[in-house]
């Protein structure tokens, strides 16, 4: 399956490659892929196979995954947090019956 990648995804791949201190040539060598192909991927000059995207992402210590739309804000928050280790994890759900029951128990409302 070949897909057109959104520009924010391409930017994320490029930034992660740069954060890891890798050139396109070095990443290409790791993946046994020509540097020119990686350049075309990063500039959206080519459609990319899903398997290639997965291979590139994993080489950059990323894991591609599908996130339900309603959880995207929480995932973005966690990714974009300046200091993820010192911040409390955001609550991803809160209106489910079991969450309300747990909150009541913690407050001693039972």
C-alpha atoms as a PDB file:
ATOM      1  CA  UNK A   1       0.000   0.000   0.000  1.00  0.00           C
ATOM      2  CA  UNK A   2       1.436   3.381  -0.999  1.00  0.00           C
ATOM      3  CA  UNK A   3       0.345   6.496   0.849  1.00  0.00           C
ATOM      4  CA  UNK A   4       0.839  10.249   0.662  1.00  0.00           C
ATOM      5  CA  UNK A   5       2.262  11.341   3.983  1.00  0.00           C
ATOM      6  CA  UNK A   6       0.948  14.485   5.691  1.00  0.00           C
ATOM      7  CA  UNK A   7       3.511  17.260   6.062  1.00  0.00           C
ATOM      8  CA  UNK A   8       3.480  17.100   9.889  1.00  0.00           C
ATOM      9  CA  UNK A   9       4.429  13.425   9.752  1.00  0.00           C
ATOM     10  CA  UNK A  10       7.244  14.136   7.315  1.00  0.00           C
ATOM     11  CA  UNK A  11       8.469  16.955   9.543  1.00  0.00           C
ATOM     12  CA  UNK A  12       8.396  14.660  12.587  1.00  0.00           C
ATOM     13  CA  UNK A  13      10.512  12.058  10.778  1.00  0.00           C
ATOM     14  CA  UNK A  14      13.007  14.686   9.614  1.00  0.00           C
ATOM     15  CA  UNK A  15      13.252  16.267  13.090  1.00  0.00           C
ATOM     16  CA  UNK A  16      13.760  12.904  14.773  1.00  0.00           C
ATOM     17  CA  UNK A  17      16.490  12.012  12.271  1.00  0.00           C
ATOM     18  CA  UNK A  18      18.203  15.318  13.004  1.00  0.00           C
ATOM     19  CA  UNK A  19      17.796  14.880  16.798  1.00  0.00           C
ATOM     20  CA  UNK A  20      19.552  11.543  16.517  1.00  0.00           C
ATOM     21  CA  UNK A  21      22.365  13.281  14.627  1.00  0.00           C
ATOM     22  CA  UNK A  22      21.881  11.223  11.477  1.00  0.00           C
ATOM     23  CA  UNK A  23      22.261  12.433   7.933  1.00  0.00           C
ATOM     24  CA  UNK A  24      20.010  11.051   5.221  1.00  0.00           C
ATOM     25  CA  UNK A  25      23.028   9.084   3.977  1.00  0.00           C
ATOM     26  CA  UNK A  26      23.645   7.522   7.385  1.00  0.00           C
ATOM     27  CA  UNK A  27      19.986   6.593   7.821  1.00  0.00           C
ATOM     28  CA  UNK A  28      19.927   5.237   4.282  1.00  0.00           C
ATOM     29  CA  UNK A  29      22.962   3.085   5.058  1.00  0.00           C
ATOM     30  CA  UNK A  30      21.210   1.700   8.165  1.00  0.00           C
ATOM     31  CA  UNK A  31      18.110   0.883   6.111  1.00  0.00           C
ATOM     32  CA  UNK A  32      19.958  -0.216   2.951  1.00  0.00           C
ATOM     33  CA  UNK A  33      18.027   2.514   1.131  1.00  0.00           C
ATOM     34  CA  UNK A  34      19.509   5.171  -1.155  1.00  0.00           C
ATOM     35  CA  UNK A  35      19.837   8.649   0.381  1.00  0.00           C
ATOM     36  CA  UNK A  36      17.965  10.043  -2.613  1.00  0.00           C
ATOM     37  CA  UNK A  37      14.907   7.944  -1.726  1.00  0.00           C
ATOM     38  CA  UNK A  38      14.925   9.256   1.850  1.00  0.00           C
ATOM     39  CA  UNK A  39      15.201  12.809   0.496  1.00  0.00           C
ATOM     40  CA  UNK A  40      12.150  12.200  -1.711  1.00  0.00           C
ATOM     41  CA  UNK A  41      10.235  10.800   1.279  1.00  0.00           C
ATOM     42  CA  UNK A  42      11.120  13.774   3.511  1.00  0.00           C
ATOM     43  CA  UNK A  43      10.081  16.268   0.823  1.00  0.00           C
ATOM     44  CA  UNK A  44       6.891  14.406  -0.175  1.00  0.00           C
ATOM     45  CA  UNK A  45       8.262  13.973  -3.681  1.00  0.00           C
ATOM     46  CA  UNK A  46       7.213  10.333  -3.695  1.00  0.00           C
ATOM     47  CA  UNK A  47       4.501   8.113  -2.311  1.00  0.00           C
ATOM     48  CA  UNK A  48       5.869   5.779   0.307  1.00  0.00           C
ATOM     49  CA  UNK A  49       4.942   2.234   1.168  1.00  0.00           C
ATOM     50  CA  UNK A  50       3.551   1.687   4.619  1.00  0.00           C
ATOM     51  CA  UNK A  51       6.262  -0.914   5.222  1.00  0.00           C
ATOM     52  CA  UNK A  52       8.942   1.652   4.308  1.00  0.00           C
ATOM     53  CA  UNK A  53       7.405   4.238   6.636  1.00  0.00           C
ATOM     54  CA  UNK A  54       7.414   1.694   9.458  1.00  0.00           C
ATOM     55  CA  UNK A  55      11.017   0.748   8.735  1.00  0.00           C
ATOM     56  CA  UNK A  56      12.165   4.398   8.734  1.00  0.00           C
ATOM     57  CA  UNK A  57      10.227   5.215  11.902  1.00  0.00           C
ATOM     58  CA  UNK A  58      11.579   2.226  13.815  1.00  0.00           C
ATOM     59  CA  UNK A  59      15.145   3.036  12.747  1.00  0.00           C
ATOM     60  CA  UNK A  60      14.547   6.438  14.379  1.00  0.00           C
ATOM     61  CA  UNK A  61      13.180   4.855  17.594  1.00  0.00           C
ATOM     62  CA  UNK A  62       9.601   5.780  16.733  1.00  0.00           C
ATOM     63  CA  UNK A  63       6.599   3.492  16.580  1.00  0.00           C
ATOM     64  CA  UNK A  64       3.880   4.251  14.058  1.00  0.00           C
ATOM     65  CA  UNK A  65       0.400   3.565  15.372  1.00  0.00           C
ATOM     66  CA  UNK A  66      -3.211   4.490  14.850  1.00  0.00           C
ATOM     67  CA  UNK A  67      -4.727   6.591  17.608  1.00  0.00           C
ATOM     68  CA  UNK A  68      -8.475   7.017  18.054  1.00  0.00           C
ATOM     69  CA  UNK A  69      -9.432  10.591  17.156  1.00  0.00           C
ATOM     70  CA  UNK A  70     -10.793  11.389  20.601  1.00  0.00           C
ATOM     71  CA  UNK A  71      -7.390  10.553  22.147  1.00  0.00           C
ATOM     72  CA  UNK A  72      -5.295  12.616  19.725  1.00  0.00           C
ATOM     73  CA  UNK A  73      -5.263  15.741  21.964  1.00  0.00           C
ATOM     74  CA  UNK A  74      -4.012  13.714  24.937  1.00  0.00           C
ATOM     75  CA  UNK A  75      -1.339  11.998  22.853  1.00  0.00           C
ATOM     76  CA  UNK A  76      -0.205  15.329  21.378  1.00  0.00           C
ATOM     77  CA  UNK A  77      -0.044  16.789  24.884  1.00  0.00           C
ATOM     78  CA  UNK A  78       2.165  13.946  26.069  1.00  0.00           C
ATOM     79  CA  UNK A  79       4.436  14.187  23.028  1.00  0.00           C
ATOM     80  CA  UNK A  80       4.780  17.966  23.161  1.00  0.00           C
ATOM     81  CA  UNK A  81       5.296  18.278  26.921  1.00  0.00           C
ATOM     82  CA  UNK A  82       8.586  20.074  27.525  1.00  0.00           C
ATOM     83  CA  UNK A  83       9.576  17.805  30.407  1.00  0.00           C
ATOM     84  CA  UNK A  84       7.561  14.611  30.261  1.00  0.00           C
ATOM     85  CA  UNK A  85       9.242  12.998  33.269  1.00  0.00           C
ATOM     86  CA  UNK A  86       8.454  15.706  35.796  1.00  0.00           C
ATOM     87  CA  UNK A  87       4.847  16.307  34.754  1.00  0.00           C
ATOM     88  CA  UNK A  88       1.988  14.181  36.044  1.00  0.00           C
ATOM     89  CA  UNK A  89       0.445  12.052  33.358  1.00  0.00           C
ATOM     90  CA  UNK A  90      -2.774  13.548  32.013  1.00  0.00           C
ATOM     91  CA  UNK A  91      -5.942  11.611  32.652  1.00  0.00           C
ATOM     92  CA  UNK A  92      -7.038  10.284  29.280  1.00  0.00           C
ATOM     93  CA  UNK A  93     -10.545   9.363  30.347  1.00  0.00           C
ATOM     94  CA  UNK A  94     -12.726  10.599  33.144  1.00  0.00           C
ATOM     95  CA  UNK A  95     -16.394  10.278  32.452  1.00  0.00           C
ATOM     96  CA  UNK A  96     -16.586   6.520  32.411  1.00  0.00           C
ATOM     97  CA  UNK A  97     -18.585   4.956  35.263  1.00  0.00           C
ATOM     98  CA  UNK A  98     -15.552   3.137  36.657  1.00  0.00           C
ATOM     99  CA  UNK A  99     -13.562   6.410  36.714  1.00  0.00           C
ATOM    100  CA  UNK A 100     -16.301   8.248  38.608  1.00  0.00           C
ATOM    101  CA  UNK A 101     -16.560   5.374  41.085  1.00  0.00           C
ATOM    102  CA  UNK A 102     -12.777   5.414  41.609  1.00  0.00           C
ATOM    103  CA  UNK A 103     -12.815   9.186  42.193  1.00  0.00           C
ATOM    104  CA  UNK A 104     -15.576   8.836  44.792  1.00  0.00           C
ATOM    105  CA  UNK A 105     -13.640   6.107  46.584  1.00  0.00           C
ATOM    106  CA  UNK A 106     -10.502   8.279  46.624  1.00  0.00           C
ATOM    107  CA  UNK A 107     -12.482  11.203  48.106  1.00  0.00           C
ATOM    108  CA  UNK A 108     -14.189   8.948  50.658  1.00  0.00           C
ATOM    109  CA  UNK A 109     -17.666   9.620  49.318  1.00  0.00           C
ATOM    110  CA  UNK A 110     -18.897   6.068  49.852  1.00  0.00           C
END
